Amino acid sequence: MRPNRTSLFTSKLLSLVKMAYDVRTALAEKDICGDLDLSVIGPDMPFQPKWMEEAHAMTRHQLGTTMRMEPIAGTCGMGLKRVEVKKDAASQQDQIVVLKPRVVLARVLDESP
């Protein structure tokens, strides 16, 4: 009975140490990365070239106005955005796109064989 209690205590202590290490790692990443967040676009959102990039464009001349407001199928490459809190008002935040997410238009899935 004694070894079971010892092993149980050791396993509980080890899980606590792992959780503390994960918290320290997450805090260090927040310090290193600043306020960077992943940017992922959900399906059926309209394509907006200001905030996203098309991953599977057929040719350059097809990219014009036909892509505007087309629904996307989903994200195939994540982007990065920086969230900055305005000093004037605590509730307002600015999101600055650092790296645009790459998306696939729904049209591309319809046209594929």
PDB file of N, CA and C in Angstrom:
ATOM      1  N   MET A   1       0.817  -1.188   0.000  1.00  0.00           N
ATOM      2  CA  MET A   1       0.000   0.000   0.000  1.00  0.00           C
ATOM      3  C   MET A   1       0.863   1.255   0.000  1.00  0.00           C
ATOM      4  N   ARG A   2       1.984   1.186   0.604  1.00  0.00           N
ATOM      5  CA  ARG A   2       2.866   2.339   0.696  1.00  0.00           C
ATOM      6  C   ARG A   2       3.382   2.792  -0.671  1.00  0.00           C
ATOM      7  N   PRO A   3       3.854   1.874  -1.545  1.00  0.00           N
ATOM      8  CA  PRO A   3       4.342   2.326  -2.855  1.00  0.00           C
ATOM      9  C   PRO A   3       3.264   2.980  -3.700  1.00  0.00           C
ATOM     10  N   ASN A   4       2.016   2.567  -3.571  1.00  0.00           N
ATOM     11  CA  ASN A   4       0.943   3.172  -4.355  1.00  0.00           C
ATOM     12  C   ASN A   4       0.722   4.634  -3.967  1.00  0.00           C
ATOM     13  N   ARG A   5       0.770   4.927  -2.692  1.00  0.00           N
ATOM     14  CA  ARG A   5       0.603   6.301  -2.241  1.00  0.00           C
ATOM     15  C   ARG A   5       1.760   7.167  -2.721  1.00  0.00           C
ATOM     16  N   THR A   6       2.961   6.611  -2.664  1.00  0.00           N
ATOM     17  CA  THR A   6       4.139   7.346  -3.114  1.00  0.00           C
ATOM     18  C   THR A   6       4.067   7.613  -4.604  1.00  0.00           C
ATOM     19  N   SER A   7       3.698   6.616  -5.378  1.00  0.00           N
ATOM     20  CA  SER A   7       3.612   6.803  -6.823  1.00  0.00           C
ATOM     21  C   SER A   7       2.470   7.762  -7.187  1.00  0.00           C
ATOM     22  N   LEU A   8       1.372   7.698  -6.436  1.00  0.00           N
ATOM     23  CA  LEU A   8       0.262   8.614  -6.671  1.00  0.00           C
ATOM     24  C   LEU A   8       0.680  10.056  -6.368  1.00  0.00           C
ATOM     25  N   PHE A   9       1.373  10.247  -5.243  1.00  0.00           N
ATOM     26  CA  PHE A   9       1.873  11.572  -4.890  1.00  0.00           C
ATOM     27  C   PHE A   9       2.857  12.083  -5.940  1.00  0.00           C
ATOM     28  N   THR A  10       3.751  11.209  -6.396  1.00  0.00           N
ATOM     29  CA  THR A  10       4.746  11.591  -7.403  1.00  0.00           C
ATOM     30  C   THR A  10       4.075  11.981  -8.707  1.00  0.00           C
ATOM     31  N   SER A  11       3.085  11.222  -9.114  1.00  0.00           N
ATOM     32  CA  SER A  11       2.404  11.543 -10.371  1.00  0.00           C
ATOM     33  C   SER A  11       1.628  12.852 -10.257  1.00  0.00           C
ATOM     34  N   LYS A  12       0.972  13.090  -9.122  1.00  0.00           N
ATOM     35  CA  LYS A  12       0.253  14.358  -8.922  1.00  0.00           C
ATOM     36  C   LYS A  12       1.219  15.537  -8.900  1.00  0.00           C
ATOM     37  N   LEU A  13       2.346  15.365  -8.217  1.00  0.00           N
ATOM     38  CA  LEU A  13       3.342  16.429  -8.154  1.00  0.00           C
ATOM     39  C   LEU A  13       3.922  16.693  -9.536  1.00  0.00           C
ATOM     40  N   LEU A  14       4.186  15.648 -10.296  1.00  0.00           N
ATOM     41  CA  LEU A  14       4.717  15.798 -11.651  1.00  0.00           C
ATOM     42  C   LEU A  14       3.734  16.533 -12.554  1.00  0.00           C
ATOM     43  N   SER A  15       2.439  16.232 -12.439  1.00  0.00           N
ATOM     44  CA  SER A  15       1.444  16.934 -13.261  1.00  0.00           C
ATOM     45  C   SER A  15       1.359  18.408 -12.866  1.00  0.00           C
ATOM     46  N   LEU A  16       1.490  18.726 -11.567  1.00  0.00           N
ATOM     47  CA  LEU A  16       1.497  20.128 -11.137  1.00  0.00           C
ATOM     48  C   LEU A  16       2.716  20.871 -11.675  1.00  0.00           C
ATOM     49  N   VAL A  17       3.867  20.223 -11.652  1.00  0.00           N
ATOM     50  CA  VAL A  17       5.084  20.850 -12.163  1.00  0.00           C
ATOM     51  C   VAL A  17       4.956  21.083 -13.666  1.00  0.00           C
ATOM     52  N   LYS A  18       4.374  20.130 -14.393  1.00  0.00           N
ATOM     53  CA  LYS A  18       4.168  20.299 -15.839  1.00  0.00           C
ATOM     54  C   LYS A  18       3.222  21.461 -16.133  1.00  0.00           C
ATOM     55  N   MET A  19       2.149  21.582 -15.344  1.00  0.00           N
ATOM     56  CA  MET A  19       1.220  22.697 -15.546  1.00  0.00           C
ATOM     57  C   MET A  19       1.907  24.033 -15.261  1.00  0.00           C
ATOM     58  N   ALA A  20       2.699  24.086 -14.210  1.00  0.00           N
ATOM     59  CA  ALA A  20       3.422  25.325 -13.893  1.00  0.00           C
ATOM     60  C   ALA A  20       4.401  25.670 -15.009  1.00  0.00           C
ATOM     61  N   TYR A  21       5.053  24.668 -15.557  1.00  0.00           N
ATOM     62  CA  TYR A  21       5.981  24.903 -16.665  1.00  0.00           C
ATOM     63  C   TYR A  21       5.227  25.421 -17.890  1.00  0.00           C
ATOM     64  N   ASP A  22       4.049  24.849 -18.177  1.00  0.00           N
ATOM     65  CA  ASP A  22       3.241  25.310 -19.311  1.00  0.00           C
ATOM     66  C   ASP A  22       2.812  26.767 -19.134  1.00  0.00           C
ATOM     67  N   VAL A  23       2.443  27.134 -17.910  1.00  0.00           N
ATOM     68  CA  VAL A  23       2.052  28.519 -17.638  1.00  0.00           C
ATOM     69  C   VAL A  23       3.245  29.449 -17.841  1.00  0.00           C
ATOM     70  N   ARG A  24       4.413  29.061 -17.345  1.00  0.00           N
ATOM     71  CA  ARG A  24       5.610  29.892 -17.512  1.00  0.00           C
ATOM     72  C   ARG A  24       5.963  30.032 -18.988  1.00  0.00           C
ATOM     73  N   THR A  25       5.847  28.938 -19.733  1.00  0.00           N
ATOM     74  CA  THR A  25       6.142  28.978 -21.171  1.00  0.00           C
ATOM     75  C   THR A  25       5.163  29.902 -21.893  1.00  0.00           C
ATOM     76  N   ALA A  26       3.884  29.807 -21.551  1.00  0.00           N
ATOM     77  CA  ALA A  26       2.876  30.666 -22.184  1.00  0.00           C
ATOM     78  C   ALA A  26       3.138  32.130 -21.861  1.00  0.00           C
ATOM     79  N   LEU A  27       3.510  32.427 -20.642  1.00  0.00           N
ATOM     80  CA  LEU A  27       3.808  33.815 -20.274  1.00  0.00           C
ATOM     81  C   LEU A  27       5.036  34.329 -21.010  1.00  0.00           C
ATOM     82  N   ALA A  28       6.034  33.472 -21.160  1.00  0.00           N
ATOM     83  CA  ALA A  28       7.239  33.876 -21.892  1.00  0.00           C
ATOM     84  C   ALA A  28       6.911  34.121 -23.357  1.00  0.00           C
ATOM     85  N   GLU A  29       6.053  33.291 -23.952  1.00  0.00           N
ATOM     86  CA  GLU A  29       5.668  33.486 -25.347  1.00  0.00           C
ATOM     87  C   GLU A  29       4.908  34.796 -25.499  1.00  0.00           C
ATOM     88  N   LYS A  30       4.088  35.142 -24.532  1.00  0.00           N
ATOM     89  CA  LYS A  30       3.358  36.412 -24.596  1.00  0.00           C
ATOM     90  C   LYS A  30       4.334  37.579 -24.566  1.00  0.00           C
ATOM     91  N   ASP A  31       5.380  37.470 -23.748  1.00  0.00           N
ATOM     92  CA  ASP A  31       6.397  38.530 -23.690  1.00  0.00           C
ATOM     93  C   ASP A  31       7.185  38.610 -24.985  1.00  0.00           C
ATOM     94  N   ILE A  32       7.535  37.471 -25.552  1.00  0.00           N
ATOM     95  CA  ILE A  32       8.347  37.440 -26.762  1.00  0.00           C
ATOM     96  C   ILE A  32       7.539  37.865 -27.982  1.00  0.00           C
ATOM     97  N   CYS A  33       6.338  37.325 -28.111  1.00  0.00           N
ATOM     98  CA  CYS A  33       5.528  37.549 -29.308  1.00  0.00           C
ATOM     99  C   CYS A  33       4.700  38.820 -29.235  1.00  0.00           C
ATOM    100  N   GLY A  34       4.692  39.480 -28.120  1.00  0.00           N
ATOM    101  CA  GLY A  34       3.870  40.677 -28.008  1.00  0.00           C
ATOM    102  C   GLY A  34       2.408  40.305 -28.008  1.00  0.00           C
ATOM    103  N   ASP A  35       1.633  41.048 -28.736  1.00  0.00           N
ATOM    104  CA  ASP A  35       0.201  40.793 -28.797  1.00  0.00           C
ATOM    105  C   ASP A  35      -0.192  40.163 -30.123  1.00  0.00           C
ATOM    106  N   LEU A  36       0.592  39.216 -30.619  1.00  0.00           N
ATOM    107  CA  LEU A  36       0.280  38.552 -31.883  1.00  0.00           C
ATOM    108  C   LEU A  36      -0.741  37.450 -31.664  1.00  0.00           C
ATOM    109  N   ASP A  37      -1.719  37.402 -32.545  1.00  0.00           N
ATOM    110  CA  ASP A  37      -2.738  36.360 -32.526  1.00  0.00           C
ATOM    111  C   ASP A  37      -2.825  35.737 -33.908  1.00  0.00           C
ATOM    112  N   LEU A  38      -3.293  34.493 -33.953  1.00  0.00           N
ATOM    113  CA  LEU A  38      -3.520  33.847 -35.233  1.00  0.00           C
ATOM    114  C   LEU A  38      -4.744  34.455 -35.897  1.00  0.00           C
ATOM    115  N   SER A  39      -4.703  34.528 -37.205  1.00  0.00           N
ATOM    116  CA  SER A  39      -5.818  35.055 -37.973  1.00  0.00           C
ATOM    117  C   SER A  39      -6.326  33.950 -38.896  1.00  0.00           C
ATOM    118  N   VAL A  40      -7.532  33.490 -38.626  1.00  0.00           N
ATOM    119  CA  VAL A  40      -8.153  32.425 -39.414  1.00  0.00           C
ATOM    120  C   VAL A  40      -9.519  32.926 -39.848  1.00  0.00           C
ATOM    121  N   ILE A  41      -9.857  32.720 -41.110  1.00  0.00           N
ATOM    122  CA  ILE A  41     -11.141  33.184 -41.657  1.00  0.00           C
ATOM    123  C   ILE A  41     -12.073  31.985 -41.780  1.00  0.00           C
ATOM    124  N   GLY A  42     -13.284  32.128 -41.310  1.00  0.00           N
ATOM    125  CA  GLY A  42     -14.265  31.046 -41.370  1.00  0.00           C
ATOM    126  C   GLY A  42     -14.908  30.934 -42.749  1.00  0.00           C
ATOM    127  N   PRO A  43     -15.525  29.800 -43.025  1.00  0.00           N
ATOM    128  CA  PRO A  43     -16.173  29.606 -44.324  1.00  0.00           C
ATOM    129  C   PRO A  43     -17.360  30.540 -44.516  1.00  0.00           C
ATOM    130  N   ASP A  44     -17.678  30.789 -45.785  1.00  0.00           N
ATOM    131  CA  ASP A  44     -18.800  31.623 -46.221  1.00  0.00           C
ATOM    132  C   ASP A  44     -18.618  33.107 -45.930  1.00  0.00           C
ATOM    133  N   MET A  45     -17.465  33.506 -45.463  1.00  0.00           N
ATOM    134  CA  MET A  45     -17.176  34.935 -45.317  1.00  0.00           C
ATOM    135  C   MET A  45     -16.851  35.479 -46.708  1.00  0.00           C
ATOM    136  N   PRO A  46     -17.202  36.715 -47.012  1.00  0.00           N
ATOM    137  CA  PRO A  46     -16.854  37.269 -48.327  1.00  0.00           C
ATOM    138  C   PRO A  46     -15.352  37.558 -48.404  1.00  0.00           C
ATOM    139  N   PHE A  47     -14.794  37.330 -49.595  1.00  0.00           N
ATOM    140  CA  PHE A  47     -13.369  37.580 -49.797  1.00  0.00           C
ATOM    141  C   PHE A  47     -13.099  39.076 -49.763  1.00  0.00           C
ATOM    142  N   GLN A  48     -12.099  39.481 -48.983  1.00  0.00           N
ATOM    143  CA  GLN A  48     -11.698  40.881 -48.892  1.00  0.00           C
ATOM    144  C   GLN A  48     -10.182  40.937 -49.020  1.00  0.00           C
ATOM    145  N   PRO A  49      -9.682  41.416 -50.169  1.00  0.00           N
ATOM    146  CA  PRO A  49      -8.232  41.400 -50.407  1.00  0.00           C
ATOM    147  C   PRO A  49      -7.431  42.246 -49.417  1.00  0.00           C
ATOM    148  N   LYS A  50      -8.095  43.163 -48.740  1.00  0.00           N
ATOM    149  CA  LYS A  50      -7.377  43.967 -47.744  1.00  0.00           C
ATOM    150  C   LYS A  50      -6.957  43.115 -46.547  1.00  0.00           C
ATOM    151  N   TRP A  51      -7.734  42.084 -46.218  1.00  0.00           N
ATOM    152  CA  TRP A  51      -7.492  41.283 -45.021  1.00  0.00           C
ATOM    153  C   TRP A  51      -7.032  39.867 -45.300  1.00  0.00           C
ATOM    154  N   MET A  52      -7.117  39.395 -46.553  1.00  0.00           N
ATOM    155  CA  MET A  52      -6.769  38.006 -46.859  1.00  0.00           C
ATOM    156  C   MET A  52      -6.155  37.891 -48.241  1.00  0.00           C
ATOM    157  N   GLU A  53      -5.580  36.741 -48.520  1.00  0.00           N
ATOM    158  CA  GLU A  53      -4.897  36.488 -49.783  1.00  0.00           C
ATOM    159  C   GLU A  53      -5.416  35.169 -50.352  1.00  0.00           C
ATOM    160  N   GLU A  54      -5.676  35.156 -51.659  1.00  0.00           N
ATOM    161  CA  GLU A  54      -6.182  33.929 -52.272  1.00  0.00           C
ATOM    162  C   GLU A  54      -5.032  32.962 -52.503  1.00  0.00           C
ATOM    163  N   ALA A  55      -5.204  31.729 -52.065  1.00  0.00           N
ATOM    164  CA  ALA A  55      -4.133  30.738 -52.145  1.00  0.00           C
ATOM    165  C   ALA A  55      -4.064  30.051 -53.500  1.00  0.00           C
ATOM    166  N   HIS A  56      -5.181  29.822 -54.146  1.00  0.00           N
ATOM    167  CA  HIS A  56      -5.203  29.040 -55.378  1.00  0.00           C
ATOM    168  C   HIS A  56      -5.761  29.866 -56.534  1.00  0.00           C
ATOM    169  N   ALA A  57      -5.133  30.984 -56.809  1.00  0.00           N
ATOM    170  CA  ALA A  57      -5.560  31.824 -57.930  1.00  0.00           C
ATOM    171  C   ALA A  57      -5.176  31.127 -59.232  1.00  0.00           C
ATOM    172  N   MET A  58      -6.094  31.112 -60.184  1.00  0.00           N
ATOM    173  CA  MET A  58      -5.820  30.452 -61.455  1.00  0.00           C
ATOM    174  C   MET A  58      -4.746  31.205 -62.243  1.00  0.00           C
ATOM    175  N   THR A  59      -5.018  32.441 -62.581  1.00  0.00           N
ATOM    176  CA  THR A  59      -4.039  33.284 -63.271  1.00  0.00           C
ATOM    177  C   THR A  59      -4.190  34.701 -62.756  1.00  0.00           C
ATOM    178  N   ARG A  60      -3.214  35.528 -63.036  1.00  0.00           N
ATOM    179  CA  ARG A  60      -3.237  36.909 -62.548  1.00  0.00           C
ATOM    180  C   ARG A  60      -4.403  37.705 -63.124  1.00  0.00           C
ATOM    181  N   HIS A  61      -4.741  37.546 -64.397  1.00  0.00           N
ATOM    182  CA  HIS A  61      -5.798  38.376 -64.980  1.00  0.00           C
ATOM    183  C   HIS A  61      -7.182  37.962 -64.482  1.00  0.00           C
ATOM    184  N   GLN A  62      -7.324  36.795 -63.879  1.00  0.00           N
ATOM    185  CA  GLN A  62      -8.608  36.389 -63.317  1.00  0.00           C
ATOM    186  C   GLN A  62      -8.816  36.955 -61.911  1.00  0.00           C
ATOM    187  N   LEU A  63      -7.806  37.570 -61.342  1.00  0.00           N
ATOM    188  CA  LEU A  63      -7.884  38.038 -59.966  1.00  0.00           C
ATOM    189  C   LEU A  63      -8.632  39.340 -59.778  1.00  0.00           C
ATOM    190  N   GLY A  64      -8.981  40.034 -60.812  1.00  0.00           N
ATOM    191  CA  GLY A  64      -9.566  41.376 -60.722  1.00  0.00           C
ATOM    192  C   GLY A  64     -10.772  41.487 -59.837  1.00  0.00           C
ATOM    193  N   THR A  65     -11.811  42.084 -60.350  1.00  0.00           N
ATOM    194  CA  THR A  65     -12.994  42.365 -59.535  1.00  0.00           C
ATOM    195  C   THR A  65     -13.869  41.130 -59.347  1.00  0.00           C
ATOM    196  N   THR A  66     -13.604  40.047 -60.067  1.00  0.00           N
ATOM    197  CA  THR A  66     -14.455  38.869 -59.906  1.00  0.00           C
ATOM    198  C   THR A  66     -14.305  38.251 -58.529  1.00  0.00           C
ATOM    199  N   MET A  67     -13.172  38.482 -57.870  1.00  0.00           N
ATOM    200  CA  MET A  67     -12.949  37.893 -56.558  1.00  0.00           C
ATOM    201  C   MET A  67     -13.650  38.654 -55.448  1.00  0.00           C
ATOM    202  N   ARG A  68     -13.968  39.875 -55.656  1.00  0.00           N
ATOM    203  CA  ARG A  68     -14.550  40.683 -54.582  1.00  0.00           C
ATOM    204  C   ARG A  68     -15.911  40.123 -54.167  1.00  0.00           C
ATOM    205  N   MET A  69     -16.085  40.012 -52.887  1.00  0.00           N
ATOM    206  CA  MET A  69     -17.329  39.576 -52.264  1.00  0.00           C
ATOM    207  C   MET A  69     -17.717  38.133 -52.591  1.00  0.00           C
ATOM    208  N   GLU A  70     -16.805  37.362 -53.145  1.00  0.00           N
ATOM    209  CA  GLU A  70     -17.084  35.939 -53.335  1.00  0.00           C
ATOM    210  C   GLU A  70     -16.920  35.226 -52.003  1.00  0.00           C
ATOM    211  N   PRO A  71     -17.745  34.225 -51.722  1.00  0.00           N
ATOM    212  CA  PRO A  71     -17.577  33.509 -50.459  1.00  0.00           C
ATOM    213  C   PRO A  71     -16.328  32.624 -50.504  1.00  0.00           C
ATOM    214  N   ILE A  72     -15.709  32.476 -49.343  1.00  0.00           N
ATOM    215  CA  ILE A  72     -14.535  31.614 -49.280  1.00  0.00           C
ATOM    216  C   ILE A  72     -14.935  30.264 -48.697  1.00  0.00           C
ATOM    217  N   ALA A  73     -14.165  29.235 -49.051  1.00  0.00           N
ATOM    218  CA  ALA A  73     -14.417  27.896 -48.532  1.00  0.00           C
ATOM    219  C   ALA A  73     -13.774  27.713 -47.163  1.00  0.00           C
ATOM    220  N   GLY A  74     -12.632  28.352 -46.959  1.00  0.00           N
ATOM    221  CA  GLY A  74     -11.950  28.235 -45.676  1.00  0.00           C
ATOM    222  C   GLY A  74     -10.514  28.715 -45.766  1.00  0.00           C
ATOM    223  N   THR A  75      -9.814  28.634 -44.659  1.00  0.00           N
ATOM    224  CA  THR A  75      -8.427  29.079 -44.566  1.00  0.00           C
ATOM    225  C   THR A  75      -7.504  27.898 -44.799  1.00  0.00           C
ATOM    226  N   CYS A  76      -6.495  28.080 -45.645  1.00  0.00           N
ATOM    227  CA  CYS A  76      -5.502  27.023 -45.845  1.00  0.00           C
ATOM    228  C   CYS A  76      -4.123  27.451 -45.351  1.00  0.00           C
ATOM    229  N   GLY A  77      -3.977  28.710 -44.986  1.00  0.00           N
ATOM    230  CA  GLY A  77      -2.731  29.210 -44.411  1.00  0.00           C
ATOM    231  C   GLY A  77      -3.046  30.295 -43.394  1.00  0.00           C
ATOM    232  N   MET A  78      -2.658  30.079 -42.162  1.00  0.00           N
ATOM    233  CA  MET A  78      -3.000  31.030 -41.103  1.00  0.00           C
ATOM    234  C   MET A  78      -2.220  32.327 -41.240  1.00  0.00           C
ATOM    235  N   GLY A  79      -2.815  33.394 -40.778  1.00  0.00           N
ATOM    236  CA  GLY A  79      -2.176  34.694 -40.768  1.00  0.00           C
ATOM    237  C   GLY A  79      -1.883  35.125 -39.340  1.00  0.00           C
ATOM    238  N   LEU A  80      -1.291  36.298 -39.228  1.00  0.00           N
ATOM    239  CA  LEU A  80      -0.999  36.871 -37.914  1.00  0.00           C
ATOM    240  C   LEU A  80      -1.564  38.277 -37.840  1.00  0.00           C
ATOM    241  N   LYS A  81      -2.081  38.615 -36.681  1.00  0.00           N
ATOM    242  CA  LYS A  81      -2.559  39.973 -36.459  1.00  0.00           C
ATOM    243  C   LYS A  81      -2.077  40.434 -35.089  1.00  0.00           C
ATOM    244  N   ARG A  82      -1.867  41.707 -34.976  1.00  0.00           N
ATOM    245  CA  ARG A  82      -1.440  42.301 -33.700  1.00  0.00           C
ATOM    246  C   ARG A  82      -2.609  43.109 -33.161  1.00  0.00           C
ATOM    247  N   VAL A  83      -2.960  42.855 -31.924  1.00  0.00           N
ATOM    248  CA  VAL A  83      -4.049  43.562 -31.271  1.00  0.00           C
ATOM    249  C   VAL A  83      -3.436  44.637 -30.377  1.00  0.00           C
ATOM    250  N   GLU A  84      -3.802  45.878 -30.644  1.00  0.00           N
ATOM    251  CA  GLU A  84      -3.300  47.004 -29.855  1.00  0.00           C
ATOM    252  C   GLU A  84      -4.471  47.708 -29.185  1.00  0.00           C
ATOM    253  N   VAL A  85      -4.339  47.933 -27.913  1.00  0.00           N
ATOM    254  CA  VAL A  85      -5.372  48.646 -27.158  1.00  0.00           C
ATOM    255  C   VAL A  85      -5.058  50.131 -27.233  1.00  0.00           C
ATOM    256  N   LYS A  86      -6.065  50.902 -27.614  1.00  0.00           N
ATOM    257  CA  LYS A  86      -5.887  52.352 -27.675  1.00  0.00           C
ATOM    258  C   LYS A  86      -5.766  52.913 -26.271  1.00  0.00           C
ATOM    259  N   LYS A  87      -4.896  53.869 -26.111  1.00  0.00           N
ATOM    260  CA  LYS A  87      -4.688  54.467 -24.789  1.00  0.00           C
ATOM    261  C   LYS A  87      -5.811  55.404 -24.401  1.00  0.00           C
ATOM    262  N   ASP A  88      -6.553  55.911 -25.382  1.00  0.00           N
ATOM    263  CA  ASP A  88      -7.649  56.836 -25.088  1.00  0.00           C
ATOM    264  C   ASP A  88      -8.822  56.127 -24.416  1.00  0.00           C
ATOM    265  N   ALA A  89      -9.218  55.004 -24.978  1.00  0.00           N
ATOM    266  CA  ALA A  89     -10.359  54.254 -24.443  1.00  0.00           C
ATOM    267  C   ALA A  89      -9.934  52.803 -24.226  1.00  0.00           C
ATOM    268  N   ALA A  90     -10.168  52.302 -23.046  1.00  0.00           N
ATOM    269  CA  ALA A  90      -9.711  50.953 -22.697  1.00  0.00           C
ATOM    270  C   ALA A  90     -10.469  49.866 -23.460  1.00  0.00           C
ATOM    271  N   SER A  91     -11.685  50.148 -23.893  1.00  0.00           N
ATOM    272  CA  SER A  91     -12.488  49.120 -24.547  1.00  0.00           C
ATOM    273  C   SER A  91     -12.217  49.019 -26.052  1.00  0.00           C
ATOM    274  N   GLN A  92     -11.539  49.998 -26.641  1.00  0.00           N
ATOM    275  CA  GLN A  92     -11.295  49.970 -28.080  1.00  0.00           C
ATOM    276  C   GLN A  92      -9.966  49.282 -28.388  1.00  0.00           C
ATOM    277  N   GLN A  93      -9.988  48.437 -29.429  1.00  0.00           N
ATOM    278  CA  GLN A  93      -8.790  47.734 -29.858  1.00  0.00           C
ATOM    279  C   GLN A  93      -8.618  47.893 -31.354  1.00  0.00           C
ATOM    280  N   ASP A  94      -7.379  48.046 -31.779  1.00  0.00           N
ATOM    281  CA  ASP A  94      -7.050  48.049 -33.200  1.00  0.00           C
ATOM    282  C   ASP A  94      -6.418  46.717 -33.546  1.00  0.00           C
ATOM    283  N   GLN A  95      -6.819  46.159 -34.686  1.00  0.00           N
ATOM    284  CA  GLN A  95      -6.204  44.930 -35.161  1.00  0.00           C
ATOM    285  C   GLN A  95      -5.399  45.254 -36.406  1.00  0.00           C
ATOM    286  N   ILE A  96      -4.102  45.049 -36.329  1.00  0.00           N
ATOM    287  CA  ILE A  96      -3.203  45.315 -37.440  1.00  0.00           C
ATOM    288  C   ILE A  96      -2.801  43.976 -38.047  1.00  0.00           C
ATOM    289  N   VAL A  97      -3.049  43.810 -39.343  1.00  0.00           N
ATOM    290  CA  VAL A  97      -2.703  42.570 -40.020  1.00  0.00           C
ATOM    291  C   VAL A  97      -1.202  42.562 -40.294  1.00  0.00           C
ATOM    292  N   VAL A  98      -0.511  41.605 -39.706  1.00  0.00           N
ATOM    293  CA  VAL A  98       0.924  41.452 -39.899  1.00  0.00           C
ATOM    294  C   VAL A  98       1.185  40.525 -41.089  1.00  0.00           C
ATOM    295  N   LEU A  99       0.421  39.439 -41.159  1.00  0.00           N
ATOM    296  CA  LEU A  99       0.530  38.454 -42.240  1.00  0.00           C
ATOM    297  C   LEU A  99      -0.881  38.019 -42.604  1.00  0.00           C
ATOM    298  N   LYS A 100      -1.264  38.233 -43.862  1.00  0.00           N
ATOM    299  CA  LYS A 100      -2.619  37.897 -44.298  1.00  0.00           C
ATOM    300  C   LYS A 100      -2.808  36.382 -44.325  1.00  0.00           C
ATOM    301  N   PRO A 101      -3.981  35.893 -43.884  1.00  0.00           N
ATOM    302  CA  PRO A 101      -4.258  34.466 -44.017  1.00  0.00           C
ATOM    303  C   PRO A 101      -4.544  34.119 -45.473  1.00  0.00           C
ATOM    304  N   ARG A 102      -4.144  32.930 -45.878  1.00  0.00           N
ATOM    305  CA  ARG A 102      -4.406  32.460 -47.243  1.00  0.00           C
ATOM    306  C   ARG A 102      -5.701  31.670 -47.234  1.00  0.00           C
ATOM    307  N   VAL A 103      -6.596  32.019 -48.153  1.00  0.00           N
ATOM    308  CA  VAL A 103      -7.918  31.400 -48.191  1.00  0.00           C
ATOM    309  C   VAL A 103      -8.172  30.778 -49.563  1.00  0.00           C
ATOM    310  N   VAL A 104      -9.121  29.855 -49.590  1.00  0.00           N
ATOM    311  CA  VAL A 104      -9.555  29.214 -50.823  1.00  0.00           C
ATOM    312  C   VAL A 104     -10.987  29.657 -51.086  1.00  0.00           C
ATOM    313  N   LEU A 105     -11.234  30.159 -52.278  1.00  0.00           N
ATOM    314  CA  LEU A 105     -12.583  30.579 -52.642  1.00  0.00           C
ATOM    315  C   LEU A 105     -13.459  29.356 -52.884  1.00  0.00           C
ATOM    316  N   ALA A 106     -14.738  29.490 -52.601  1.00  0.00           N
ATOM    317  CA  ALA A 106     -15.679  28.387 -52.820  1.00  0.00           C
ATOM    318  C   ALA A 106     -15.738  28.040 -54.303  1.00  0.00           C
ATOM    319  N   ARG A 107     -15.542  29.033 -55.166  1.00  0.00           N
ATOM    320  CA  ARG A 107     -15.555  28.800 -56.607  1.00  0.00           C
ATOM    321  C   ARG A 107     -14.494  27.792 -57.037  1.00  0.00           C
ATOM    322  N   VAL A 108     -13.345  27.818 -56.387  1.00  0.00           N
ATOM    323  CA  VAL A 108     -12.257  26.911 -56.742  1.00  0.00           C
ATOM    324  C   VAL A 108     -12.666  25.465 -56.485  1.00  0.00           C
ATOM    325  N   LEU A 109     -13.381  25.235 -55.400  1.00  0.00           N
ATOM    326  CA  LEU A 109     -13.850  23.866 -55.114  1.00  0.00           C
ATOM    327  C   LEU A 109     -14.903  23.428 -56.107  1.00  0.00           C
ATOM    328  N   ASP A 110     -15.739  24.369 -56.547  1.00  0.00           N
ATOM    329  CA  ASP A 110     -16.765  24.027 -57.535  1.00  0.00           C
ATOM    330  C   ASP A 110     -16.160  23.719 -58.895  1.00  0.00           C
ATOM    331  N   GLU A 111     -15.064  24.413 -59.245  1.00  0.00           N
ATOM    332  CA  GLU A 111     -14.458  24.242 -60.558  1.00  0.00           C
ATOM    333  C   GLU A 111     -13.512  23.054 -60.630  1.00  0.00           C
ATOM    334  N   SER A 112     -13.066  22.545 -59.488  1.00  0.00           N
ATOM    335  CA  SER A 112     -12.098  21.453 -59.514  1.00  0.00           C
ATOM    336  C   SER A 112     -12.767  20.162 -59.971  1.00  0.00           C
ATOM    337  N   PRO A 113     -12.020  19.334 -60.698  1.00  0.00           N
ATOM    338  CA  PRO A 113     -12.616  18.088 -61.220  1.00  0.00           C
ATOM    339  C   PRO A 113     -12.897  17.049 -60.168  1.00  0.00           C
TER     340      PRO A 113
END
